[in-house]
Each structure stands twice: as C-alpha cells, then as structure tokens.
Protein backbone atom coordinates (compact mmCIF):
# COMPACT_ATOMS: atom_id res chain seq x y z
CA VAL A 1 32.73 185.33 90.28
CA GLN A 2 34.15 188.54 88.90
CA LEU A 3 35.78 189.67 85.67
CA VAL A 4 37.09 193.23 85.68
CA GLU A 5 38.37 194.80 82.48
CA SER A 6 40.71 197.78 82.47
CA GLY A 7 43.07 199.62 80.15
CA GLY A 8 40.59 201.22 77.79
CA GLY A 9 40.71 204.86 76.78
CA LEU A 10 41.12 207.32 73.97
CA VAL A 11 43.92 206.70 71.47
CA GLN A 12 44.83 208.15 68.08
CA PRO A 13 44.67 206.04 64.93
CA GLY A 14 47.81 203.93 64.65
CA GLY A 15 48.27 203.87 68.40
CA SER A 16 48.29 200.99 70.88
CA LEU A 17 46.47 199.95 74.02
CA ARG A 18 46.70 196.93 76.28
CA LEU A 19 43.50 195.72 77.90
CA SER A 20 43.52 193.56 81.02
CA CYS A 21 40.82 191.36 82.50
CA ALA A 22 41.33 190.28 86.09
CA ALA A 23 39.39 187.20 87.16
CA SER A 24 38.36 185.98 90.58
CA GLY A 25 35.97 183.48 92.11
CA PHE A 26 36.62 180.56 89.79
CA THR A 27 39.47 178.36 88.57
CA PHE A 28 40.82 180.71 85.93
CA SER A 29 43.30 178.25 84.42
CA SER A 30 40.47 175.84 83.53
CA TYR A 31 38.58 178.34 81.42
CA THR A 32 38.93 179.40 77.82
CA MET A 33 39.15 183.19 77.75
CA SER A 34 37.88 185.44 74.99
CA TRP A 35 37.57 189.10 74.13
CA TYR A 36 34.47 190.49 72.45
CA ARG A 37 33.54 194.01 71.45
CA GLN A 38 30.38 195.95 70.78
CA ALA A 39 30.27 199.16 68.79
CA PRO A 40 27.33 201.58 69.07
CA GLY A 41 24.32 200.26 67.18
CA LYS A 42 26.01 196.95 66.38
CA GLU A 43 25.88 193.45 67.78
CA ARG A 44 28.58 192.15 70.06
CA GLU A 45 31.30 190.41 68.04
CA TRP A 46 34.01 187.98 68.94
CA VAL A 47 37.57 189.34 68.73
CA ALA A 48 40.02 186.76 70.06
CA GLN A 49 40.27 183.60 72.13
CA ILE A 50 42.92 181.73 74.11
CA THR A 51 42.31 178.18 75.26
CA SER A 52 42.85 176.83 78.74
CA THR A 53 44.87 173.70 78.09
CA PHE A 54 47.44 174.64 75.47
CA GLY A 55 47.03 178.40 75.26
CA SER A 56 46.11 178.18 71.58
CA THR A 57 45.03 181.52 70.16
CA TYR A 58 42.47 182.47 67.55
CA TYR A 59 41.54 185.84 66.06
CA ALA A 60 38.82 187.48 64.04
CA ASP A 61 40.05 188.40 60.56
CA SER A 62 39.47 192.07 61.32
CA VAL A 63 42.12 192.10 64.08
CA LYS A 64 44.52 189.39 62.95
CA ASP A 65 48.16 190.57 62.89
CA ARG A 66 47.24 193.67 64.95
CA PHE A 67 45.90 192.25 68.22
CA THR A 68 47.49 189.67 70.52
CA ILE A 69 45.69 187.79 73.28
CA SER A 70 47.65 186.28 76.15
CA ARG A 71 47.04 184.98 79.65
CA ASP A 72 48.89 184.77 82.94
CA ASN A 73 47.37 181.97 84.98
CA ALA A 74 49.47 182.92 88.01
CA LYS A 75 47.82 186.35 88.01
CA ASN A 76 44.37 185.15 86.87
CA THR A 77 44.51 187.72 84.11
CA VAL A 78 43.97 187.76 80.37
CA TYR A 79 45.34 190.52 78.16
CA LEU A 80 44.61 191.99 74.76
CA GLN A 81 47.45 193.92 73.18
CA MET A 82 46.02 196.13 70.45
CA ASN A 83 48.37 197.72 67.93
CA SER A 84 47.79 199.77 64.78
CA LEU A 85 44.40 200.79 66.07
CA LYS A 86 41.79 202.04 63.61
CA PRO A 87 38.66 204.15 64.15
CA GLU A 88 36.58 201.05 63.42
CA ASP A 89 38.08 199.40 66.50
CA THR A 90 36.09 201.83 68.64
CA ALA A 91 33.82 199.77 70.89
CA VAL A 92 33.21 198.54 74.39
CA TYR A 93 35.49 195.55 74.93
CA PHE A 94 34.35 192.65 77.10
CA CYS A 95 36.16 189.60 78.36
CA LYS A 96 34.46 186.23 78.69
CA ALA A 97 35.40 183.12 80.61
CA GLU A 98 33.88 179.87 79.42
CA ARG A 99 33.91 176.14 79.70
CA PRO A 100 31.15 173.64 78.87
CA LEU A 101 27.87 174.80 80.42
CA MET A 102 29.51 177.78 82.14
CA ALA A 103 30.20 181.33 80.98
CA TYR A 104 31.00 184.59 82.74
CA TRP A 105 31.23 188.12 81.35
CA GLY A 106 32.93 191.27 82.50
CA GLN A 107 31.32 194.71 82.50
CA GLY A 108 33.40 196.07 79.63
CA THR A 109 35.90 198.84 79.02
CA GLN A 110 35.53 201.59 76.43
CA VAL A 111 38.09 201.93 73.64
CA THR A 112 37.84 205.00 71.44
CA VAL A 113 40.13 205.46 68.44
CA SER A 114 39.96 209.01 67.17
CA SER A 115 42.16 211.90 66.17
C-alpha cells in the first residue's frame, strides 16, 4: 500500500497550488479519501474529504470556497486544488485513505505560503 503526495511548494499569498495523491496497493475506488494538514507546533487537522460511493465532498470551514477536493478513480489519484492561499495555510499536507477498520496515510508534502 502506498500513498504519494506531490505538488507542494512555495507560493505567494493569493496564489494557487494543486496537490496530488497517487494511490497503489489497494482498491482506491472503495475508499473515502481525505486531506489533512499539520502546521509547525500544531496538531494535524482535517481539511477536506471525498466519499467513495457518490463522490460527496466536505470541507473544513477554514478552506471552504477556496479549496476543492476531487478524485479520478481511473488514475487512482485524489487532488486538492487550493486557491486564494493564505499564510495560515502553510503546513505539511497529508492524504488519507479510509474505510471501516482500515486507514492509510501518505508521507506528506510541504506547502509554504509566503511573500
């Protein structure tokens, strides 16, 4: 089982980034996929989720209307489009695959929002 995040980097406030998380080793389409983030000195927090069956999406209030989660089951990949980025979005971003009694995490990708 492997989850590999990519797409992080340094971006100016107001800019955009698209994160990707490529999955392998399990039946991707059967898993709910989520993005979390962890800023220095803070606990990991949930950012967004997309369900397996209907592709329903949910967002933390802090990113609603700025971030969009999507998935491509043919490519075993989940995405996080991040627009209007703020310095407080700076964190390591992790993807998570889950279903009852099973959960997998990626290693994370750094996003830094700074001028």
